[in-house]
Amino acid sequence: MNGSGNSLTRPLNLLVDDELMLKEIQLSDANAIFEIIDHQRDYLREWLPFIDYTKQIGDTRAYIFSIYDKPYDRRDMVFMLMYKGNVVGLMGLKGTDPDNHKTEIGYWLSYDMQGKGIVTRSCHRLVQYLFENMSMNRVQIRVGTTNEKSKNIPKRLGFKLEGIERCGELLTNGFTDLEIYSILKSEFS
C-alpha cells in the first residue's frame, strides 16, 4: 500500500460477508459516528476513555483529520463497521509498526448491535487483510480484564493470551488492567 499525505479520497472497503463491510473512514462519515457516540455515551464510556472528550461533531472531525495527517504508509487505518448499510461502530489499527510487521486492532460497537457476530467476523476479515496484503506478521488485541464480551473475540479467532498489562489503560473510573492477545501469520487460518 503506497500513497502519501492528506488524501481523503478512495477509501478502502473490505467486504466481510453479505451483511457486513469494513469501510475506511472519511471526513464525510463524521456525523454518523458522532451520532452513535452522542446517543450511547453511558454505554460506550465504560471502556472508551475518549467518549468524554468527544463533545461535538468538530471533535469527531478532528479525530478523522488526525488519521489523514500522516503519510498513507505510516497511517493507522480506521474502518467503519457497516452492517446492512448502516454505521454500527469502528474498528481500527493502533501503533502499527511496519518495520517490525506488527499492529494492534481496537474496536467498539453500538449497544443494539451486540450479539450478532459483527466484531468477530470483521476482525477475522481485517486480520486476513493484514496478513495477506500488508505484510503483517503479528496482530494483537488488548482488552480490559473484566470486559468479557470483548475478550471473547480474540479467543474465538485463535489469538493466544500473552499476559496482563497492569494498569494498561486509564478509563473514566480509573486505571484498568488489560489482557494482551496476539496471533501470528503462521497461526492464522
C-alpha atoms as a PDB file:
ATOM      1  CA  MET A   1       0.000   0.000   0.000  1.00  0.00           C
ATOM      2  CA  ASN A   2       1.501   3.241  -1.019  1.00  0.00           C
ATOM      3  CA  GLY A   3       0.383   6.769  -1.379  1.00  0.00           C
ATOM      4  CA  SER A   4       1.006   9.767   0.716  1.00  0.00           C
ATOM      5  CA  GLY A   5      -0.231  12.733   2.521  1.00  0.00           C
ATOM      6  CA  ASN A   6      -3.583  14.150   3.212  1.00  0.00           C
ATOM      7  CA  SER A   7      -5.814  12.458   0.656  1.00  0.00           C
ATOM      8  CA  LEU A   8      -9.348  11.889   1.857  1.00  0.00           C
ATOM      9  CA  THR A   9     -10.329  10.051  -1.312  1.00  0.00           C
ATOM     10  CA  ARG A  10     -10.611   6.423  -2.411  1.00  0.00           C
ATOM     11  CA  PRO A  11     -11.397   4.687   0.870  1.00  0.00           C
ATOM     12  CA  LEU A  12     -10.548   1.020   1.173  1.00  0.00           C
ATOM     13  CA  ASN A  13     -13.623  -1.176   1.527  1.00  0.00           C
ATOM     14  CA  LEU A  14     -13.269  -4.747   2.777  1.00  0.00           C
ATOM     15  CA  LEU A  15     -16.273  -6.957   2.178  1.00  0.00           C
ATOM     16  CA  VAL A  16     -16.801  -9.272   5.141  1.00  0.00           C
ATOM     17  CA  ASP A  17     -19.980 -11.037   4.009  1.00  0.00           C
ATOM     18  CA  ASP A  18     -23.436 -10.266   2.597  1.00  0.00           C
ATOM     19  CA  GLU A  19     -24.366  -8.174   5.647  1.00  0.00           C
ATOM     20  CA  LEU A  20     -21.100  -6.617   6.658  1.00  0.00           C
ATOM     21  CA  MET A  21     -18.384  -4.363   5.260  1.00  0.00           C
ATOM     22  CA  LEU A  22     -15.389  -2.511   6.657  1.00  0.00           C
ATOM     23  CA  LYS A  23     -15.299   0.947   5.079  1.00  0.00           C
ATOM     24  CA  GLU A  24     -12.254   3.112   5.619  1.00  0.00           C
ATOM     25  CA  ILE A  25     -13.330   6.208   7.495  1.00  0.00           C
ATOM     26  CA  GLN A  26     -13.724   9.508   5.638  1.00  0.00           C
ATOM     27  CA  LEU A  27     -14.467  13.022   6.825  1.00  0.00           C
ATOM     28  CA  SER A  28     -17.985  12.719   5.403  1.00  0.00           C
ATOM     29  CA  ASP A  29     -18.624   9.961   7.984  1.00  0.00           C
ATOM     30  CA  ALA A  30     -18.145  12.232  10.992  1.00  0.00           C
ATOM     31  CA  ASN A  31     -21.853  12.897  11.553  1.00  0.00           C
ATOM     32  CA  ALA A  32     -22.832   9.216  11.597  1.00  0.00           C
ATOM     33  CA  ILE A  33     -20.039   8.320  14.013  1.00  0.00           C
ATOM     34  CA  PHE A  34     -20.690  11.262  16.316  1.00  0.00           C
ATOM     35  CA  GLU A  35     -24.400  10.429  16.424  1.00  0.00           C
ATOM     36  CA  ILE A  36     -23.699   6.932  17.761  1.00  0.00           C
ATOM     37  CA  ILE A  37     -21.266   8.295  20.344  1.00  0.00           C
ATOM     38  CA  ASP A  38     -23.615  11.077  21.413  1.00  0.00           C
ATOM     39  CA  HIS A  39     -26.606   8.759  21.858  1.00  0.00           C
ATOM     40  CA  GLN A  40     -24.721   5.975  23.652  1.00  0.00           C
ATOM     41  CA  ARG A  41     -22.327   7.855  25.913  1.00  0.00           C
ATOM     42  CA  ASP A  42     -23.165   5.965  29.094  1.00  0.00           C
ATOM     43  CA  TYR A  43     -22.711   2.583  27.428  1.00  0.00           C
ATOM     44  CA  LEU A  44     -19.528   3.455  25.490  1.00  0.00           C
ATOM     45  CA  ARG A  45     -17.711   5.379  28.225  1.00  0.00           C
ATOM     46  CA  GLU A  46     -17.220   2.257  30.357  1.00  0.00           C
ATOM     47  CA  TRP A  47     -14.412   1.049  28.043  1.00  0.00           C
ATOM     48  CA  LEU A  48     -13.627   4.051  25.815  1.00  0.00           C
ATOM     49  CA  PRO A  49     -11.814   6.927  27.515  1.00  0.00           C
ATOM     50  CA  PHE A  50     -12.230   9.283  24.524  1.00  0.00           C
ATOM     51  CA  ILE A  51     -16.027   9.451  24.861  1.00  0.00           C
ATOM     52  CA  ASP A  52     -15.946  12.288  27.411  1.00  0.00           C
ATOM     53  CA  TYR A  53     -13.647  14.285  25.134  1.00  0.00           C
ATOM     54  CA  THR A  54     -15.925  13.858  22.124  1.00  0.00           C
ATOM     55  CA  LYS A  55     -18.397  16.619  22.941  1.00  0.00           C
ATOM     56  CA  GLN A  56     -19.310  17.923  19.497  1.00  0.00           C
ATOM     57  CA  ILE A  57     -19.131  16.963  15.837  1.00  0.00           C
ATOM     58  CA  GLY A  58     -15.943  19.020  15.493  1.00  0.00           C
ATOM     59  CA  ASP A  59     -14.174  16.623  17.869  1.00  0.00           C
ATOM     60  CA  THR A  60     -15.015  13.692  15.607  1.00  0.00           C
ATOM     61  CA  ARG A  61     -13.876  15.635  12.549  1.00  0.00           C
ATOM     62  CA  ALA A  62     -10.598  16.483  14.296  1.00  0.00           C
ATOM     63  CA  TYR A  63     -10.075  12.796  15.033  1.00  0.00           C
ATOM     64  CA  ILE A  64     -10.579  11.894  11.365  1.00  0.00           C
ATOM     65  CA  PHE A  65      -8.240  14.699  10.275  1.00  0.00           C
ATOM     66  CA  SER A  66      -5.605  13.352  12.690  1.00  0.00           C
ATOM     67  CA  ILE A  67      -5.722   9.999  10.898  1.00  0.00           C
ATOM     68  CA  TYR A  68      -5.224  11.568   7.488  1.00  0.00           C
ATOM     69  CA  ASP A  69      -2.489  13.898   8.680  1.00  0.00           C
ATOM     70  CA  LYS A  70       0.080  11.110   8.312  1.00  0.00           C
ATOM     71  CA  PRO A  71       1.555   9.634   5.129  1.00  0.00           C
ATOM     72  CA  TYR A  72      -0.556   6.727   3.901  1.00  0.00           C
ATOM     73  CA  ASP A  73       2.144   4.123   4.530  1.00  0.00           C
ATOM     74  CA  ARG A  74       2.542   5.291   8.159  1.00  0.00           C
ATOM     75  CA  ARG A  75      -1.119   5.810   8.993  1.00  0.00           C
ATOM     76  CA  ASP A  76      -3.180   3.676  11.329  1.00  0.00           C
ATOM     77  CA  MET A  77      -6.194   2.634   9.271  1.00  0.00           C
ATOM     78  CA  VAL A  78      -9.653   3.103  10.786  1.00  0.00           C
ATOM     79  CA  PHE A  79     -12.781   1.460   9.411  1.00  0.00           C
ATOM     80  CA  MET A  80     -16.446   1.959   9.995  1.00  0.00           C
ATOM     81  CA  LEU A  81     -18.328  -1.240  10.696  1.00  0.00           C
ATOM     82  CA  MET A  82     -21.142  -1.185   8.135  1.00  0.00           C
ATOM     83  CA  TYR A  83     -23.946  -3.632   8.951  1.00  0.00           C
ATOM     84  CA  LYS A  84     -26.684  -3.832   6.326  1.00  0.00           C
ATOM     85  CA  GLY A  85     -25.525  -0.445   5.041  1.00  0.00           C
ATOM     86  CA  ASN A  86     -25.584   1.329   8.417  1.00  0.00           C
ATOM     87  CA  VAL A  87     -22.675   2.506  10.555  1.00  0.00           C
ATOM     88  CA  VAL A  88     -22.675   0.470  13.780  1.00  0.00           C
ATOM     89  CA  GLY A  89     -19.161   1.057  15.164  1.00  0.00           C
ATOM     90  CA  LEU A  90     -15.487   1.450  14.409  1.00  0.00           C
ATOM     91  CA  MET A  91     -12.533  -0.903  14.056  1.00  0.00           C
ATOM     92  CA  GLY A  92      -9.023   0.329  13.567  1.00  0.00           C
ATOM     93  CA  LEU A  93      -5.337  -0.180  13.874  1.00  0.00           C
ATOM     94  CA  LYS A  94      -3.211   1.295  16.645  1.00  0.00           C
ATOM     95  CA  GLY A  95       0.537   1.575  16.917  1.00  0.00           C
ATOM     96  CA  THR A  96       1.235  -0.022  13.578  1.00  0.00           C
ATOM     97  CA  ASP A  97       4.940  -0.805  13.257  1.00  0.00           C
ATOM     98  CA  PRO A  98       5.619  -1.578   9.570  1.00  0.00           C
ATOM     99  CA  ASP A  99       9.329  -2.062  10.218  1.00  0.00           C
ATOM    100  CA  ASN A 100       8.586  -4.960  12.560  1.00  0.00           C
ATOM    101  CA  HIS A 101       5.450  -6.098  10.691  1.00  0.00           C
ATOM    102  CA  LYS A 102       3.057  -5.775  13.615  1.00  0.00           C
ATOM    103  CA  THR A 103      -0.039  -3.862  14.626  1.00  0.00           C
ATOM    104  CA  GLU A 104      -2.891  -3.800  17.127  1.00  0.00           C
ATOM    105  CA  ILE A 105      -6.631  -3.855  16.468  1.00  0.00           C
ATOM    106  CA  GLY A 106      -9.126  -1.880  18.523  1.00  0.00           C
ATOM    107  CA  TYR A 107     -12.901  -1.777  18.120  1.00  0.00           C
ATOM    108  CA  TRP A 108     -16.196  -0.572  19.512  1.00  0.00           C
ATOM    109  CA  LEU A 109     -19.754  -1.474  18.591  1.00  0.00           C
ATOM    110  CA  SER A 110     -23.134   0.150  19.097  1.00  0.00           C
ATOM    111  CA  TYR A 111     -25.068  -1.359  22.005  1.00  0.00           C
ATOM    112  CA  ASP A 112     -28.034  -2.538  19.947  1.00  0.00           C
ATOM    113  CA  MET A 113     -25.763  -4.460  17.543  1.00  0.00           C
ATOM    114  CA  GLN A 114     -24.220  -6.704  20.217  1.00  0.00           C
ATOM    115  CA  GLY A 115     -24.530 -10.466  19.836  1.00  0.00           C
ATOM    116  CA  LYS A 116     -24.649 -10.628  16.021  1.00  0.00           C
ATOM    117  CA  GLY A 117     -21.017 -11.628  15.477  1.00  0.00           C
ATOM    118  CA  ILE A 118     -20.269  -8.295  13.812  1.00  0.00           C
ATOM    119  CA  VAL A 119     -16.957  -7.610  15.528  1.00  0.00           C
ATOM    120  CA  THR A 120     -15.738 -11.212  15.359  1.00  0.00           C
ATOM    121  CA  ARG A 121     -16.443 -11.517  11.623  1.00  0.00           C
ATOM    122  CA  SER A 122     -14.999  -8.058  10.908  1.00  0.00           C
ATOM    123  CA  CYS A 123     -11.897  -8.729  12.966  1.00  0.00           C
ATOM    124  CA  HIS A 124     -11.306 -12.017  11.132  1.00  0.00           C
ATOM    125  CA  ARG A 125     -11.544 -10.218   7.780  1.00  0.00           C
ATOM    126  CA  LEU A 126      -9.222  -7.419   8.903  1.00  0.00           C
ATOM    127  CA  VAL A 127      -6.621  -9.858  10.238  1.00  0.00           C
ATOM    128  CA  GLN A 128      -6.792 -11.733   6.930  1.00  0.00           C
ATOM    129  CA  TYR A 129      -6.202  -8.470   5.057  1.00  0.00           C
ATOM    130  CA  LEU A 130      -3.302  -7.506   7.328  1.00  0.00           C
ATOM    131  CA  PHE A 131      -1.509 -10.811   6.782  1.00  0.00           C
ATOM    132  CA  GLU A 132      -2.222 -11.123   3.065  1.00  0.00           C
ATOM    133  CA  ASN A 133      -1.981  -7.506   1.883  1.00  0.00           C
ATOM    134  CA  MET A 134       0.019  -5.518   4.413  1.00  0.00           C
ATOM    135  CA  SER A 135       2.849  -7.948   5.207  1.00  0.00           C
ATOM    136  CA  MET A 136       1.996  -8.046   8.892  1.00  0.00           C
ATOM    137  CA  ASN A 137       3.410 -10.947  10.882  1.00  0.00           C
ATOM    138  CA  ARG A 138       1.813 -10.195  14.264  1.00  0.00           C
ATOM    139  CA  VAL A 139      -1.553  -8.733  15.267  1.00  0.00           C
ATOM    140  CA  GLN A 140      -2.549  -8.073  18.836  1.00  0.00           C
ATOM    141  CA  ILE A 141      -5.704  -7.082  20.687  1.00  0.00           C
ATOM    142  CA  ARG A 142      -5.700  -5.616  24.203  1.00  0.00           C
ATOM    143  CA  VAL A 143      -8.900  -5.777  26.257  1.00  0.00           C
ATOM    144  CA  GLY A 144      -9.916  -4.945  29.801  1.00  0.00           C
ATOM    145  CA  THR A 145      -9.591  -7.974  32.082  1.00  0.00           C
ATOM    146  CA  THR A 146     -13.258  -7.664  33.094  1.00  0.00           C
ATOM    147  CA  ASN A 147     -14.602  -6.917  29.583  1.00  0.00           C
ATOM    148  CA  GLU A 148     -15.924 -10.418  28.932  1.00  0.00           C
ATOM    149  CA  LYS A 149     -17.670  -9.669  25.610  1.00  0.00           C
ATOM    150  CA  SER A 150     -14.560  -8.092  24.148  1.00  0.00           C
ATOM    151  CA  LYS A 151     -12.240 -10.835  25.439  1.00  0.00           C
ATOM    152  CA  ASN A 152     -14.302 -13.470  23.640  1.00  0.00           C
ATOM    153  CA  ILE A 153     -13.421 -12.020  20.231  1.00  0.00           C
ATOM    154  CA  PRO A 154      -9.682 -12.800  20.171  1.00  0.00           C
ATOM    155  CA  LYS A 155     -10.377 -16.141  21.860  1.00  0.00           C
ATOM    156  CA  ARG A 156     -12.847 -17.135  19.102  1.00  0.00           C
ATOM    157  CA  LEU A 157     -10.315 -16.171  16.442  1.00  0.00           C
ATOM    158  CA  GLY A 158      -7.462 -18.266  17.842  1.00  0.00           C
ATOM    159  CA  PHE A 159      -5.428 -15.450  19.388  1.00  0.00           C
ATOM    160  CA  LYS A 160      -3.214 -16.519  22.276  1.00  0.00           C
ATOM    161  CA  LEU A 161      -3.260 -14.815  25.667  1.00  0.00           C
ATOM    162  CA  GLU A 162       0.230 -13.470  26.301  1.00  0.00           C
ATOM    163  CA  GLY A 163      -0.268 -11.835  29.667  1.00  0.00           C
ATOM    164  CA  ILE A 164      -1.637  -8.917  31.629  1.00  0.00           C
ATOM    165  CA  GLU A 165      -0.605  -5.306  31.181  1.00  0.00           C
ATOM    166  CA  ARG A 166      -1.132  -3.914  34.668  1.00  0.00           C
ATOM    167  CA  CYS A 167      -2.882  -0.527  34.778  1.00  0.00           C
ATOM    168  CA  GLY A 168      -2.643  -0.508  30.987  1.00  0.00           C
ATOM    169  CA  GLU A 169      -5.391   1.997  30.290  1.00  0.00           C
ATOM    170  CA  LEU A 170      -6.872   4.967  32.103  1.00  0.00           C
ATOM    171  CA  LEU A 171     -10.659   4.815  31.887  1.00  0.00           C
ATOM    172  CA  THR A 172     -13.242   7.199  33.306  1.00  0.00           C
ATOM    173  CA  ASN A 173     -13.293   5.386  36.669  1.00  0.00           C
ATOM    174  CA  GLY A 174      -9.536   4.792  36.954  1.00  0.00           C
ATOM    175  CA  PHE A 175      -6.833   2.506  35.629  1.00  0.00           C
ATOM    176  CA  THR A 176      -7.695  -0.959  34.378  1.00  0.00           C
ATOM    177  CA  ASP A 177      -5.577  -4.000  33.645  1.00  0.00           C
ATOM    178  CA  LEU A 178      -5.514  -5.272  30.049  1.00  0.00           C
ATOM    179  CA  GLU A 179      -5.239  -8.792  28.712  1.00  0.00           C
ATOM    180  CA  ILE A 180      -2.936  -8.944  25.687  1.00  0.00           C
ATOM    181  CA  TYR A 181      -3.845 -11.404  22.948  1.00  0.00           C
ATOM    182  CA  SER A 182      -1.853 -11.995  19.752  1.00  0.00           C
ATOM    183  CA  ILE A 183      -1.874 -14.074  16.622  1.00  0.00           C
ATOM    184  CA  LEU A 184       0.977 -14.674  14.187  1.00  0.00           C
ATOM    185  CA  LYS A 185       0.643 -15.055  10.450  1.00  0.00           C
ATOM    186  CA  SER A 186       1.762 -18.688  10.744  1.00  0.00           C
ATOM    187  CA  GLU A 187      -1.094 -19.386  13.190  1.00  0.00           C
ATOM    188  CA  PHE A 188      -3.919 -17.766  11.244  1.00  0.00           C
ATOM    189  CA  SER A 189      -6.322 -19.869   9.199  1.00  0.00           C
END
